[in-house]
Each structure stands twice: as structure tokens, then as C-alpha cells.
Amino acid sequence: MDTSDESLFGVRHELDGSITADGPISDLDPEARLTGLRCGQRTCTVSADGQVTAEE
């Protein structure tokens, strides 16, 4: 994965383990999704609207 993907989605992995997303991608493509993002032991999907969900 390219770090520019994380920048477009505004992904942040906080010290408390939470993952947030607030980037400009929703203005460019409101349907965009970043899948397979590894955050520690978890794998997540990030939607353009900022929703972060854990993959199983």
C-alpha cells in the first residue's frame, strides 16, 4: 500500500489503539474504500465517509 492512500483517507492510528479517518477523498470519490489496511494486529477497511470497520 502506498502512504498516499492513507493520506487521501486521512487515516490516523492513535496511541490508545483507535483508528480514525478524515481525509479529502470523499470530495474526490465518495464511494472510495481502502481495504486491507493493517493496523497492528487488525486489518481494517476505511470508507470515504470516514467509517473504519475491522475485517474478519
C-alpha atoms as a PDB file:
ATOM      1  CA  MET A   1       0.000   0.000   0.000  1.00  0.00           C
ATOM      2  CA  ASP A   2       1.159   3.473  -0.792  1.00  0.00           C
ATOM      3  CA  THR A   3       1.208   6.055   2.010  1.00  0.00           C
ATOM      4  CA  SER A   4      -0.628   8.461  -0.312  1.00  0.00           C
ATOM      5  CA  ASP A   5      -3.690   6.194   0.100  1.00  0.00           C
ATOM      6  CA  GLU A   6      -3.531   6.736   3.840  1.00  0.00           C
ATOM      7  CA  SER A   7      -3.152  10.495   3.314  1.00  0.00           C
ATOM      8  CA  LEU A   8      -6.141  10.707   0.987  1.00  0.00           C
ATOM      9  CA  PHE A   9      -8.256   8.857   3.521  1.00  0.00           C
ATOM     10  CA  GLY A  10      -6.737  10.774   6.451  1.00  0.00           C
ATOM     11  CA  VAL A  11      -6.069   7.593   8.430  1.00  0.00           C
ATOM     12  CA  ARG A  12      -4.607   8.056  11.908  1.00  0.00           C
ATOM     13  CA  HIS A  13      -3.669   5.295  14.317  1.00  0.00           C
ATOM     14  CA  GLU A  14      -3.836   6.849  17.773  1.00  0.00           C
ATOM     15  CA  LEU A  15      -1.785   5.851  20.819  1.00  0.00           C
ATOM     16  CA  ASP A  16      -4.879   4.416  22.508  1.00  0.00           C
ATOM     17  CA  GLY A  17      -5.300   1.974  19.587  1.00  0.00           C
ATOM     18  CA  SER A  18      -8.207   3.763  17.956  1.00  0.00           C
ATOM     19  CA  ILE A  19      -8.216   4.362  14.215  1.00  0.00           C
ATOM     20  CA  THR A  20      -9.761   7.479  12.716  1.00  0.00           C
ATOM     21  CA  ALA A  21     -10.165   8.693   9.156  1.00  0.00           C
ATOM     22  CA  ASP A  22     -10.879  12.211   7.954  1.00  0.00           C
ATOM     23  CA  GLY A  23      -9.318  12.969   4.591  1.00  0.00           C
ATOM     24  CA  PRO A  24     -10.233  14.750   1.372  1.00  0.00           C
ATOM     25  CA  ILE A  25     -11.088  11.542  -0.542  1.00  0.00           C
ATOM     26  CA  SER A  26     -14.841  11.979  -0.044  1.00  0.00           C
ATOM     27  CA  ASP A  27     -14.699  15.139  -2.171  1.00  0.00           C
ATOM     28  CA  LEU A  28     -12.929  13.249  -4.961  1.00  0.00           C
ATOM     29  CA  ASP A  29     -14.741   9.903  -4.814  1.00  0.00           C
ATOM     30  CA  PRO A  30     -17.499   9.450  -2.207  1.00  0.00           C
ATOM     31  CA  GLU A  31     -17.644   5.688  -2.921  1.00  0.00           C
ATOM     32  CA  ALA A  32     -13.906   5.055  -2.397  1.00  0.00           C
ATOM     33  CA  ARG A  33     -12.759   2.374   0.042  1.00  0.00           C
ATOM     34  CA  LEU A  34      -9.343   1.450   1.366  1.00  0.00           C
ATOM     35  CA  THR A  35      -9.359  -2.279   2.128  1.00  0.00           C
ATOM     36  CA  GLY A  36      -6.794  -4.491   3.798  1.00  0.00           C
ATOM     37  CA  LEU A  37      -5.229  -1.718   5.876  1.00  0.00           C
ATOM     38  CA  ARG A  38      -3.036  -3.305   8.566  1.00  0.00           C
ATOM     39  CA  CYS A  39      -3.144  -1.515  11.908  1.00  0.00           C
ATOM     40  CA  GLY A  40      -1.178  -3.524  14.430  1.00  0.00           C
ATOM     41  CA  GLN A  41      -2.817  -6.948  14.659  1.00  0.00           C
ATOM     42  CA  ARG A  42      -6.015  -5.765  12.970  1.00  0.00           C
ATOM     43  CA  THR A  43      -6.955  -5.402   9.323  1.00  0.00           C
ATOM     44  CA  CYS A  44      -9.457  -2.662   8.531  1.00  0.00           C
ATOM     45  CA  THR A  45     -11.492  -1.167   5.740  1.00  0.00           C
ATOM     46  CA  VAL A  46     -11.780   2.609   5.581  1.00  0.00           C
ATOM     47  CA  SER A  47     -14.633   4.251   3.658  1.00  0.00           C
ATOM     48  CA  ALA A  48     -14.545   7.707   2.106  1.00  0.00           C
ATOM     49  CA  ASP A  49     -17.083   8.880   4.701  1.00  0.00           C
ATOM     50  CA  GLY A  50     -14.553   8.137   7.479  1.00  0.00           C
ATOM     51  CA  GLN A  51     -16.088   4.887   8.688  1.00  0.00           C
ATOM     52  CA  VAL A  52     -13.477   2.373   9.863  1.00  0.00           C
ATOM     53  CA  THR A  53     -14.524  -1.275  10.161  1.00  0.00           C
ATOM     54  CA  ALA A  54     -12.484  -4.283  11.239  1.00  0.00           C
ATOM     55  CA  GLU A  55     -12.226  -7.080   8.682  1.00  0.00           C
ATOM     56  CA  GLU A  56     -12.672 -10.659   9.752  1.00  0.00           C
END
